Structure formats: C-alpha cells, structure tokens
Amino acid sequence: MIMFWLIGAFCALVVGGAAYLKRSLTLSGAAAAFVMGTVYFGAGNLLWFGILLVFFVSSSLLSKFKQTNKEELEKSYAKTSTRDAGQVLANGGAGMLLCILNALWPHPGWIYAFIGVMAAVTADTWATEWGGLSRRLPRSVVTGKIVPPGTSGGVTLLGSTAAALGGLMIALFGWLFAALSGMGGQGLGFLLAGVIGGLAGAFADSFLGATLQVMHRCQVCGKDVEVLTHCGQSTRRIRGLSWMNNDAVNFLSSCIGGVAAWLLTA
C-alpha cells in the first residue's frame, strides 16, 4: 500500500514539475497537481491516475495548439491556459473525491461516475479549445442566437464535436487502463459513461456560463467578459452569482457529468 503512494508521489512530482517548467501550470497549480496525482495513484490505481494524466496532457497540448489564434479570446477569460490550483481542483477535485470514496467503499458505480467526471472536464476543455478556432460564430446555448466569440454559453458545431470526441477518448483510455489493471469487461459501460457524461458536462458548463456565471462588461469596448479588468479599465458586473466563477462552473459541470454517467450505468 505504501509503495503505491510513493509511486504516485514520484509520478505526480515528475508530471507536475515538467508542467510547471513548460508553463502549463503555475506554482500553485503544480502543488495541487502533486497532491492530486499522489491521491489518484495511492488511493486508486493505474485506471484513476492514467485517466487524470490523459486529461491533463491532451488539454495542455490543445491549449498550445494555434495559441496565437486564441490570444484575443483569452483576454476575456478569467483563467488562462496556464492552470492555477483553482483550475486543477475544479477539474480534478470531484474525481479525487470519487477515488477516495472507492478506496473506502469499493463499488463499480464510483468508477463509472469518475469516467463521467473526467469525460466532462475533457469534453469542456476540448470544446473550448477547438470551438475557439471555429470559422462560424457561436450561438447561445440558451437562446440559440449568434453571440460574439468567447462569450460564456456560446457553442459551435466544431466545439460540440470536439466535446464528444474528448469524452470518447476518456472512455477508450478508461477501457485500456481497466484492462491493464485487471478490471476488464466494462467497455460498453465506459463508452456510455464517457460520451454521455462528457456531453452532459460540456453542455451543463455552457448553460451555467450563460445563466449563473458572474459576468462583467468592459466600459471601454463594451464586451461581456469574465475578468475584472479589460482594455486597461475596471469592468462592471452585469449578471450572475458573485461566487459562480469559472472554477465553480467547471466543478459543478464535472459533477453533472459524473451523475449522468452514474445514472446510465446504475
């Protein structure tokens, strides 16, 4: 048992340190990733740690893909592609809780919910990164009307397709890691959990972003943004709950993805 925790700590240190040097994580983000990775392997196994790693690596690579094309959009976001501790916990915190619960009270339902959680955060990240490159303007997930690129709650066909593919990738890697860990025979369940959980989480993220997430308006350019400062001036809050920031939206949508996956496989 202790050996698993030591292996997890070593692997998490290597991955977190490399990500910090590559500027994919801030110092606080690297520290959070170290703790999270240690728990995922120590309390779980290759399945849990491997899926976390697949999410992180794929998301980090996508965030760097055609980064110059997305620089203007990032100015509207509260968080950038260099993830801090809040982002790390928002994306992996629910999965870490499920990992601990499974260690204390083993049950297949925890694993399916975990697949849904990680599929949701992967799908949302893929949708954001690919959707930002869409040549078509996004539409509001609530009203269906065209909205400016970067608007919270805006969706595109490219982004939605990317979300489904992100969830599918988590499902396939989950099946692979389960087989390598001696937990075979769960392919169809993982497939449903990954795709449905991923899409449910991604669209929940868009819906929350369009309704409850706190948003501000730039008093210079008039753009609706997540940040407190834009165009060198303080922004004005226009809607949303004060505590419902981007990290809160990500965490809640990951939970919704996990619940959707659990309901499908219960």
C-alpha atoms as a PDB file:
ATOM      1  CA  MET A   1       0.000   0.000   0.000  1.00  0.00           C
ATOM      2  CA  ILE A   2       2.755   2.458   0.929  1.00  0.00           C
ATOM      3  CA  MET A   3       4.534   1.621  -2.310  1.00  0.00           C
ATOM      4  CA  PHE A   4       1.512   2.797  -4.340  1.00  0.00           C
ATOM      5  CA  TRP A   5       1.562   6.127  -2.528  1.00  0.00           C
ATOM      6  CA  LEU A   6       5.292   6.517  -3.137  1.00  0.00           C
ATOM      7  CA  ILE A   7       4.907   5.676  -6.817  1.00  0.00           C
ATOM      8  CA  GLY A   8       2.037   8.134  -7.088  1.00  0.00           C
ATOM      9  CA  ALA A   9       4.032  10.876  -5.370  1.00  0.00           C
ATOM     10  CA  PHE A  10       7.019  10.323  -7.659  1.00  0.00           C
ATOM     11  CA  CYS A  11       4.956  10.297 -10.850  1.00  0.00           C
ATOM     12  CA  ALA A  12       2.956  13.328  -9.741  1.00  0.00           C
ATOM     13  CA  LEU A  13       6.152  15.208  -8.903  1.00  0.00           C
ATOM     14  CA  VAL A  14       7.633  14.476 -12.324  1.00  0.00           C
ATOM     15  CA  VAL A  15       4.483  15.425 -14.230  1.00  0.00           C
ATOM     16  CA  GLY A  16       3.721  18.490 -12.120  1.00  0.00           C
ATOM     17  CA  GLY A  17       7.316  19.694 -12.275  1.00  0.00           C
ATOM     18  CA  ALA A  18       7.504  19.261 -16.043  1.00  0.00           C
ATOM     19  CA  ALA A  19       4.184  21.079 -16.486  1.00  0.00           C
ATOM     20  CA  TYR A  20       5.425  23.953 -14.343  1.00  0.00           C
ATOM     21  CA  LEU A  21       8.614  24.248 -16.392  1.00  0.00           C
ATOM     22  CA  LYS A  22       6.541  24.179 -19.591  1.00  0.00           C
ATOM     23  CA  ARG A  23       4.290  26.886 -18.112  1.00  0.00           C
ATOM     24  CA  SER A  24       1.227  24.668 -18.330  1.00  0.00           C
ATOM     25  CA  LEU A  25       0.837  25.051 -14.555  1.00  0.00           C
ATOM     26  CA  THR A  26       1.552  27.856 -12.124  1.00  0.00           C
ATOM     27  CA  LEU A  27       3.437  27.043  -8.929  1.00  0.00           C
ATOM     28  CA  SER A  28       0.173  26.663  -7.024  1.00  0.00           C
ATOM     29  CA  GLY A  29      -1.206  24.546  -9.854  1.00  0.00           C
ATOM     30  CA  ALA A  30       1.837  22.267  -9.762  1.00  0.00           C
ATOM     31  CA  ALA A  31       1.464  21.849  -5.982  1.00  0.00           C
ATOM     32  CA  ALA A  32      -2.222  20.965  -6.355  1.00  0.00           C
ATOM     33  CA  ALA A  33      -1.401  18.544  -9.178  1.00  0.00           C
ATOM     34  CA  PHE A  34       1.216  16.844  -6.983  1.00  0.00           C
ATOM     35  CA  VAL A  35      -1.280  16.256  -4.178  1.00  0.00           C
ATOM     36  CA  MET A  36      -3.977  15.148  -6.588  1.00  0.00           C
ATOM     37  CA  GLY A  37      -1.758  12.789  -8.555  1.00  0.00           C
ATOM     38  CA  THR A  38      -0.475  11.200  -5.360  1.00  0.00           C
ATOM     39  CA  VAL A  39      -4.015  10.531  -4.144  1.00  0.00           C
ATOM     40  CA  TYR A  40      -5.180   9.232  -7.520  1.00  0.00           C
ATOM     41  CA  PHE A  41      -2.463   6.583  -7.610  1.00  0.00           C
ATOM     42  CA  GLY A  42      -2.162   5.911  -3.887  1.00  0.00           C
ATOM     43  CA  ALA A  43      -5.889   5.520  -3.190  1.00  0.00           C
ATOM     44  CA  GLY A  44      -6.643   4.240  -6.702  1.00  0.00           C
ATOM     45  CA  ASN A  45      -4.517   2.575  -9.353  1.00  0.00           C
ATOM     46  CA  LEU A  46      -3.416   2.969 -12.972  1.00  0.00           C
ATOM     47  CA  LEU A  47      -7.017   3.497 -14.090  1.00  0.00           C
ATOM     48  CA  TRP A  48      -7.520   6.578 -11.934  1.00  0.00           C
ATOM     49  CA  PHE A  49      -4.075   8.099 -12.369  1.00  0.00           C
ATOM     50  CA  GLY A  50      -3.891   7.243 -16.079  1.00  0.00           C
ATOM     51  CA  ILE A  51      -7.163   8.953 -16.956  1.00  0.00           C
ATOM     52  CA  LEU A  52      -6.140  12.039 -14.988  1.00  0.00           C
ATOM     53  CA  LEU A  53      -2.891  12.101 -16.932  1.00  0.00           C
ATOM     54  CA  VAL A  54      -4.662  11.660 -20.283  1.00  0.00           C
ATOM     55  CA  PHE A  55      -6.929  14.603 -19.491  1.00  0.00           C
ATOM     56  CA  PHE A  56      -4.084  16.834 -18.401  1.00  0.00           C
ATOM     57  CA  VAL A  57      -1.717  16.026 -21.283  1.00  0.00           C
ATOM     58  CA  SER A  58      -4.364  16.283 -24.002  1.00  0.00           C
ATOM     59  CA  SER A  59      -5.760  19.527 -22.588  1.00  0.00           C
ATOM     60  CA  SER A  60      -2.322  21.089 -22.223  1.00  0.00           C
ATOM     61  CA  LEU A  61      -1.379  20.194 -25.794  1.00  0.00           C
ATOM     62  CA  LEU A  62      -4.644  21.576 -27.155  1.00  0.00           C
ATOM     63  CA  SER A  63      -4.229  24.819 -25.229  1.00  0.00           C
ATOM     64  CA  LYS A  64      -0.900  25.367 -27.001  1.00  0.00           C
ATOM     65  CA  PHE A  65      -2.288  24.453 -30.446  1.00  0.00           C
ATOM     66  CA  LYS A  66      -2.615  27.612 -32.577  1.00  0.00           C
ATOM     67  CA  GLN A  67      -2.319  29.624 -29.385  1.00  0.00           C
ATOM     68  CA  THR A  68      -1.793  32.896 -31.235  1.00  0.00           C
ATOM     69  CA  ASN A  69      -5.224  32.481 -32.848  1.00  0.00           C
ATOM     70  CA  LYS A  70      -6.832  32.289 -29.391  1.00  0.00           C
ATOM     71  CA  GLU A  71      -4.874  35.032 -27.616  1.00  0.00           C
ATOM     72  CA  GLU A  72      -7.580  37.656 -28.098  1.00  0.00           C
ATOM     73  CA  LEU A  73     -10.272  35.330 -26.736  1.00  0.00           C
ATOM     74  CA  GLU A  74      -8.185  34.516 -23.653  1.00  0.00           C
ATOM     75  CA  LYS A  75      -8.247  38.190 -22.669  1.00  0.00           C
ATOM     76  CA  SER A  76     -11.951  37.725 -21.927  1.00  0.00           C
ATOM     77  CA  TYR A  77     -11.465  34.621 -19.780  1.00  0.00           C
ATOM     78  CA  ALA A  78     -10.870  34.697 -16.040  1.00  0.00           C
ATOM     79  CA  LYS A  79      -8.349  31.865 -16.376  1.00  0.00           C
ATOM     80  CA  THR A  80      -5.673  31.258 -18.985  1.00  0.00           C
ATOM     81  CA  SER A  81      -4.061  28.113 -20.390  1.00  0.00           C
ATOM     82  CA  THR A  82      -1.519  28.219 -17.532  1.00  0.00           C
ATOM     83  CA  ARG A  83      -3.631  26.494 -14.880  1.00  0.00           C
ATOM     84  CA  ASP A  84      -3.531  27.502 -11.223  1.00  0.00           C
ATOM     85  CA  ALA A  85      -4.567  25.491  -8.163  1.00  0.00           C
ATOM     86  CA  GLY A  86      -8.184  26.574  -8.518  1.00  0.00           C
ATOM     87  CA  GLN A  87      -8.394  25.224 -12.053  1.00  0.00           C
ATOM     88  CA  VAL A  88      -6.641  21.994 -11.119  1.00  0.00           C
ATOM     89  CA  LEU A  89      -9.038  21.336  -8.244  1.00  0.00           C
ATOM     90  CA  ALA A  90     -12.075  22.411 -10.278  1.00  0.00           C
ATOM     91  CA  ASN A  91     -11.219  19.883 -12.981  1.00  0.00           C
ATOM     92  CA  GLY A  92      -9.911  17.021 -10.861  1.00  0.00           C
ATOM     93  CA  GLY A  93     -11.388  17.602  -7.406  1.00  0.00           C
ATOM     94  CA  ALA A  94     -14.610  15.639  -7.948  1.00  0.00           C
ATOM     95  CA  GLY A  95     -12.624  12.750  -9.405  1.00  0.00           C
ATOM     96  CA  MET A  96     -10.295  12.765  -6.408  1.00  0.00           C
ATOM     97  CA  LEU A  97     -13.271  12.561  -4.060  1.00  0.00           C
ATOM     98  CA  LEU A  98     -14.647   9.594  -6.020  1.00  0.00           C
ATOM     99  CA  CYS A  99     -11.235   7.920  -5.854  1.00  0.00           C
ATOM    100  CA  ILE A 100     -11.187   8.246  -2.068  1.00  0.00           C
ATOM    101  CA  LEU A 101     -14.773   7.004  -1.765  1.00  0.00           C
ATOM    102  CA  ASN A 102     -13.959   3.980  -3.909  1.00  0.00           C
ATOM    103  CA  ALA A 103     -10.959   3.191  -1.710  1.00  0.00           C
ATOM    104  CA  LEU A 104     -13.138   3.327   1.407  1.00  0.00           C
ATOM    105  CA  TRP A 105     -16.272   1.660  -0.018  1.00  0.00           C
ATOM    106  CA  PRO A 106     -15.402  -0.109  -3.299  1.00  0.00           C
ATOM    107  CA  HIS A 107     -18.241  -0.085  -5.840  1.00  0.00           C
ATOM    108  CA  PRO A 108     -18.327  -0.041  -9.672  1.00  0.00           C
ATOM    109  CA  GLY A 109     -20.611   2.989  -9.555  1.00  0.00           C
ATOM    110  CA  TRP A 110     -17.779   5.196  -8.292  1.00  0.00           C
ATOM    111  CA  ILE A 111     -15.678   4.221 -11.311  1.00  0.00           C
ATOM    112  CA  TYR A 112     -18.418   4.942 -13.851  1.00  0.00           C
ATOM    113  CA  ALA A 113     -19.091   8.274 -12.176  1.00  0.00           C
ATOM    114  CA  PHE A 114     -15.359   9.006 -12.340  1.00  0.00           C
ATOM    115  CA  ILE A 115     -15.318   8.280 -16.076  1.00  0.00           C
ATOM    116  CA  GLY A 116     -18.208  10.717 -16.457  1.00  0.00           C
ATOM    117  CA  VAL A 117     -16.470  13.389 -14.396  1.00  0.00           C
ATOM    118  CA  MET A 118     -13.218  13.208 -16.327  1.00  0.00           C
ATOM    119  CA  ALA A 119     -15.065  12.940 -19.636  1.00  0.00           C
ATOM    120  CA  ALA A 120     -16.967  16.108 -18.710  1.00  0.00           C
ATOM    121  CA  VAL A 121     -13.879  18.202 -17.941  1.00  0.00           C
ATOM    122  CA  THR A 122     -12.096  16.834 -21.012  1.00  0.00           C
ATOM    123  CA  ALA A 123     -15.098  17.476 -23.250  1.00  0.00           C
ATOM    124  CA  ASP A 124     -15.462  21.017 -21.940  1.00  0.00           C
ATOM    125  CA  THR A 125     -11.766  21.771 -22.422  1.00  0.00           C
ATOM    126  CA  TRP A 126     -11.734  20.307 -25.925  1.00  0.00           C
ATOM    127  CA  ALA A 127     -14.907  22.221 -26.820  1.00  0.00           C
ATOM    128  CA  THR A 128     -13.360  25.481 -25.621  1.00  0.00           C
ATOM    129  CA  GLU A 129     -10.026  24.982 -27.364  1.00  0.00           C
ATOM    130  CA  TRP A 130     -11.421  23.716 -30.685  1.00  0.00           C
ATOM    131  CA  GLY A 131     -14.502  25.908 -30.596  1.00  0.00           C
ATOM    132  CA  GLY A 132     -12.291  28.979 -30.350  1.00  0.00           C
ATOM    133  CA  LEU A 133     -10.909  28.091 -33.793  1.00  0.00           C
ATOM    134  CA  SER A 134     -14.329  27.769 -35.436  1.00  0.00           C
ATOM    135  CA  ARG A 135     -14.927  29.907 -38.501  1.00  0.00           C
ATOM    136  CA  ARG A 136     -18.615  30.078 -37.642  1.00  0.00           C
ATOM    137  CA  LEU A 137     -19.857  32.383 -34.910  1.00  0.00           C
ATOM    138  CA  PRO A 138     -21.077  30.621 -31.755  1.00  0.00           C
ATOM    139  CA  ARG A 139     -24.723  30.527 -30.715  1.00  0.00           C
ATOM    140  CA  SER A 140     -26.081  30.873 -27.208  1.00  0.00           C
ATOM    141  CA  VAL A 141     -26.956  27.501 -25.709  1.00  0.00           C
ATOM    142  CA  VAL A 142     -29.993  29.201 -24.097  1.00  0.00           C
ATOM    143  CA  THR A 143     -31.455  31.402 -26.843  1.00  0.00           C
ATOM    144  CA  GLY A 144     -29.873  29.954 -29.980  1.00  0.00           C
ATOM    145  CA  LYS A 145     -28.901  33.458 -31.093  1.00  0.00           C
ATOM    146  CA  ILE A 146     -25.467  34.284 -32.504  1.00  0.00           C
ATOM    147  CA  VAL A 147     -23.084  35.657 -29.868  1.00  0.00           C
ATOM    148  CA  PRO A 148     -19.537  37.070 -30.132  1.00  0.00           C
ATOM    149  CA  PRO A 149     -16.645  34.553 -29.959  1.00  0.00           C
ATOM    150  CA  GLY A 150     -15.549  33.918 -26.387  1.00  0.00           C
ATOM    151  CA  THR A 151     -18.989  34.564 -24.905  1.00  0.00           C
ATOM    152  CA  SER A 152     -19.777  32.288 -21.956  1.00  0.00           C
ATOM    153  CA  GLY A 153     -22.501  29.874 -23.009  1.00  0.00           C
ATOM    154  CA  GLY A 154     -21.699  30.123 -26.706  1.00  0.00           C
ATOM    155  CA  VAL A 155     -21.452  26.821 -28.597  1.00  0.00           C
ATOM    156  CA  THR A 156     -20.351  25.814 -32.082  1.00  0.00           C
ATOM    157  CA  LEU A 157     -20.671  22.637 -34.105  1.00  0.00           C
ATOM    158  CA  LEU A 158     -16.893  22.266 -34.078  1.00  0.00           C
ATOM    159  CA  GLY A 159     -16.769  22.683 -30.308  1.00  0.00           C
ATOM    160  CA  SER A 160     -19.636  20.238 -29.714  1.00  0.00           C
ATOM    161  CA  THR A 161     -17.988  17.645 -31.952  1.00  0.00           C
ATOM    162  CA  ALA A 162     -14.740  18.116 -30.063  1.00  0.00           C
ATOM    163  CA  ALA A 163     -16.616  17.623 -26.783  1.00  0.00           C
ATOM    164  CA  ALA A 164     -17.987  14.267 -27.949  1.00  0.00           C
ATOM    165  CA  LEU A 165     -14.532  13.176 -29.130  1.00  0.00           C
ATOM    166  CA  GLY A 166     -12.978  14.211 -25.825  1.00  0.00           C
ATOM    167  CA  GLY A 167     -15.485  12.116 -23.895  1.00  0.00           C
ATOM    168  CA  LEU A 168     -14.929   9.186 -26.246  1.00  0.00           C
ATOM    169  CA  MET A 169     -11.166   9.403 -25.741  1.00  0.00           C
ATOM    170  CA  ILE A 170     -11.574   9.211 -21.958  1.00  0.00           C
ATOM    171  CA  ALA A 171     -13.858   6.172 -22.379  1.00  0.00           C
ATOM    172  CA  LEU A 172     -11.352   4.374 -24.597  1.00  0.00           C
ATOM    173  CA  PHE A 173      -8.403   5.059 -22.341  1.00  0.00           C
ATOM    174  CA  GLY A 174     -10.529   4.075 -19.365  1.00  0.00           C
ATOM    175  CA  TRP A 175     -11.209   0.721 -21.011  1.00  0.00           C
ATOM    176  CA  LEU A 176      -7.479   0.299 -21.744  1.00  0.00           C
ATOM    177  CA  PHE A 177      -6.335   1.168 -18.226  1.00  0.00           C
ATOM    178  CA  ALA A 178      -9.059  -1.010 -16.713  1.00  0.00           C
ATOM    179  CA  ALA A 179      -7.869  -3.959 -18.794  1.00  0.00           C
ATOM    180  CA  LEU A 180      -4.247  -3.347 -17.780  1.00  0.00           C
ATOM    181  CA  SER A 181      -5.363  -3.193 -14.134  1.00  0.00           C
ATOM    182  CA  GLY A 182      -7.240  -6.496 -14.373  1.00  0.00           C
ATOM    183  CA  MET A 183     -10.659  -4.818 -14.451  1.00  0.00           C
ATOM    184  CA  GLY A 184     -11.846  -5.887 -17.912  1.00  0.00           C
ATOM    185  CA  GLY A 185     -15.358  -6.361 -19.257  1.00  0.00           C
ATOM    186  CA  GLN A 186     -16.513  -2.756 -18.847  1.00  0.00           C
ATOM    187  CA  GLY A 187     -16.107  -1.487 -22.414  1.00  0.00           C
ATOM    188  CA  LEU A 188     -19.764  -0.651 -23.175  1.00  0.00           C
ATOM    189  CA  GLY A 189     -20.335   0.915 -19.761  1.00  0.00           C
ATOM    190  CA  PHE A 190     -17.240   3.073 -20.139  1.00  0.00           C
ATOM    191  CA  LEU A 191     -18.300   4.092 -23.657  1.00  0.00           C
ATOM    192  CA  LEU A 192     -21.711   5.276 -22.448  1.00  0.00           C
ATOM    193  CA  ALA A 193     -20.231   6.958 -19.380  1.00  0.00           C
ATOM    194  CA  GLY A 194     -17.598   8.767 -21.434  1.00  0.00           C
ATOM    195  CA  VAL A 195     -19.706  10.058 -24.302  1.00  0.00           C
ATOM    196  CA  ILE A 196     -22.916  10.855 -22.406  1.00  0.00           C
ATOM    197  CA  GLY A 197     -21.120  12.119 -19.305  1.00  0.00           C
ATOM    198  CA  GLY A 198     -18.823  14.226 -21.468  1.00  0.00           C
ATOM    199  CA  LEU A 199     -21.623  15.853 -23.459  1.00  0.00           C
ATOM    200  CA  ALA A 200     -23.787  16.363 -20.375  1.00  0.00           C
ATOM    201  CA  GLY A 201     -20.923  18.060 -18.561  1.00  0.00           C
ATOM    202  CA  ALA A 202     -19.915  20.212 -21.527  1.00  0.00           C
ATOM    203  CA  PHE A 203     -23.440  21.497 -22.177  1.00  0.00           C
ATOM    204  CA  ALA A 204     -24.028  21.989 -18.449  1.00  0.00           C
ATOM    205  CA  ASP A 205     -20.899  24.142 -18.420  1.00  0.00           C
ATOM    206  CA  SER A 206     -22.246  26.201 -21.321  1.00  0.00           C
ATOM    207  CA  PHE A 207     -25.676  26.558 -19.699  1.00  0.00           C
ATOM    208  CA  LEU A 208     -24.226  27.646 -16.356  1.00  0.00           C
ATOM    209  CA  GLY A 209     -21.897  30.009 -18.188  1.00  0.00           C
ATOM    210  CA  ALA A 210     -24.831  31.619 -19.960  1.00  0.00           C
ATOM    211  CA  THR A 211     -27.064  31.931 -16.888  1.00  0.00           C
ATOM    212  CA  LEU A 212     -25.460  31.805 -13.445  1.00  0.00           C
ATOM    213  CA  GLN A 213     -21.775  32.560 -14.014  1.00  0.00           C
ATOM    214  CA  VAL A 214     -20.755  36.033 -12.881  1.00  0.00           C
ATOM    215  CA  MET A 215     -20.027  38.249 -15.884  1.00  0.00           C
ATOM    216  CA  HIS A 216     -18.747  41.766 -16.330  1.00  0.00           C
ATOM    217  CA  ARG A 217     -18.883  44.349 -19.132  1.00  0.00           C
ATOM    218  CA  CYS A 218     -15.886  46.288 -20.365  1.00  0.00           C
ATOM    219  CA  GLN A 219     -16.598  50.007 -20.096  1.00  0.00           C
ATOM    220  CA  VAL A 220     -14.219  50.720 -22.970  1.00  0.00           C
ATOM    221  CA  CYS A 221     -15.094  48.221 -25.728  1.00  0.00           C
ATOM    222  CA  GLY A 222     -18.477  47.100 -24.371  1.00  0.00           C
ATOM    223  CA  LYS A 223     -17.601  43.403 -24.470  1.00  0.00           C
ATOM    224  CA  ASP A 224     -19.012  40.963 -21.904  1.00  0.00           C
ATOM    225  CA  VAL A 225     -16.068  39.291 -20.154  1.00  0.00           C
ATOM    226  CA  GLU A 226     -15.210  37.135 -17.128  1.00  0.00           C
ATOM    227  CA  VAL A 227     -12.354  39.327 -15.947  1.00  0.00           C
ATOM    228  CA  LEU A 228     -12.388  42.308 -13.584  1.00  0.00           C
ATOM    229  CA  THR A 229     -10.131  44.373 -15.851  1.00  0.00           C
ATOM    230  CA  HIS A 230     -10.336  44.734 -19.637  1.00  0.00           C
ATOM    231  CA  CYS A 231      -8.854  47.274 -22.030  1.00  0.00           C
ATOM    232  CA  GLY A 232      -6.885  48.610 -19.074  1.00  0.00           C
ATOM    233  CA  GLN A 233     -10.027  49.615 -17.157  1.00  0.00           C
ATOM    234  CA  SER A 234     -12.149  48.052 -14.411  1.00  0.00           C
ATOM    235  CA  THR A 235     -15.187  46.188 -15.704  1.00  0.00           C
ATOM    236  CA  ARG A 236     -18.793  46.432 -14.438  1.00  0.00           C
ATOM    237  CA  ARG A 237     -20.678  43.403 -13.146  1.00  0.00           C
ATOM    238  CA  ILE A 238     -23.813  42.783 -15.213  1.00  0.00           C
ATOM    239  CA  ARG A 239     -25.173  39.381 -14.146  1.00  0.00           C
ATOM    240  CA  GLY A 240     -24.587  36.103 -12.367  1.00  0.00           C
ATOM    241  CA  LEU A 241     -23.913  34.951  -8.836  1.00  0.00           C
ATOM    242  CA  SER A 242     -20.875  36.534  -7.232  1.00  0.00           C
ATOM    243  CA  TRP A 243     -19.423  33.141  -6.209  1.00  0.00           C
ATOM    244  CA  MET A 244     -20.182  31.411  -9.513  1.00  0.00           C
ATOM    245  CA  ASN A 245     -16.833  31.978 -11.212  1.00  0.00           C
ATOM    246  CA  ASN A 246     -15.245  29.854 -13.915  1.00  0.00           C
ATOM    247  CA  ASP A 247     -13.809  27.347 -11.430  1.00  0.00           C
ATOM    248  CA  ALA A 248     -17.198  26.861  -9.760  1.00  0.00           C
ATOM    249  CA  VAL A 249     -18.830  26.306 -13.151  1.00  0.00           C
ATOM    250  CA  ASN A 250     -16.195  23.742 -14.107  1.00  0.00           C
ATOM    251  CA  PHE A 251     -16.579  21.850 -10.834  1.00  0.00           C
ATOM    252  CA  LEU A 252     -20.379  21.769 -10.973  1.00  0.00           C
ATOM    253  CA  SER A 253     -20.447  20.694 -14.616  1.00  0.00           C
ATOM    254  CA  SER A 254     -17.973  17.893 -13.869  1.00  0.00           C
ATOM    255  CA  CYS A 255     -20.303  16.686 -11.111  1.00  0.00           C
ATOM    256  CA  ILE A 256     -23.237  16.772 -13.533  1.00  0.00           C
ATOM    257  CA  GLY A 257     -21.229  14.677 -15.990  1.00  0.00           C
ATOM    258  CA  GLY A 258     -20.462  12.199 -13.219  1.00  0.00           C
ATOM    259  CA  VAL A 259     -24.108  11.948 -12.150  1.00  0.00           C
ATOM    260  CA  ALA A 260     -25.218  11.441 -15.771  1.00  0.00           C
ATOM    261  CA  ALA A 261     -22.698   8.623 -16.204  1.00  0.00           C
ATOM    262  CA  TRP A 262     -23.712   7.010 -12.915  1.00  0.00           C
ATOM    263  CA  LEU A 263     -27.433   7.110 -13.795  1.00  0.00           C
ATOM    264  CA  LEU A 264     -26.745   5.423 -17.133  1.00  0.00           C
ATOM    265  CA  THR A 265     -24.771   2.580 -15.604  1.00  0.00           C
ATOM    266  CA  ALA A 266     -26.551   2.127 -12.268  1.00  0.00           C
END
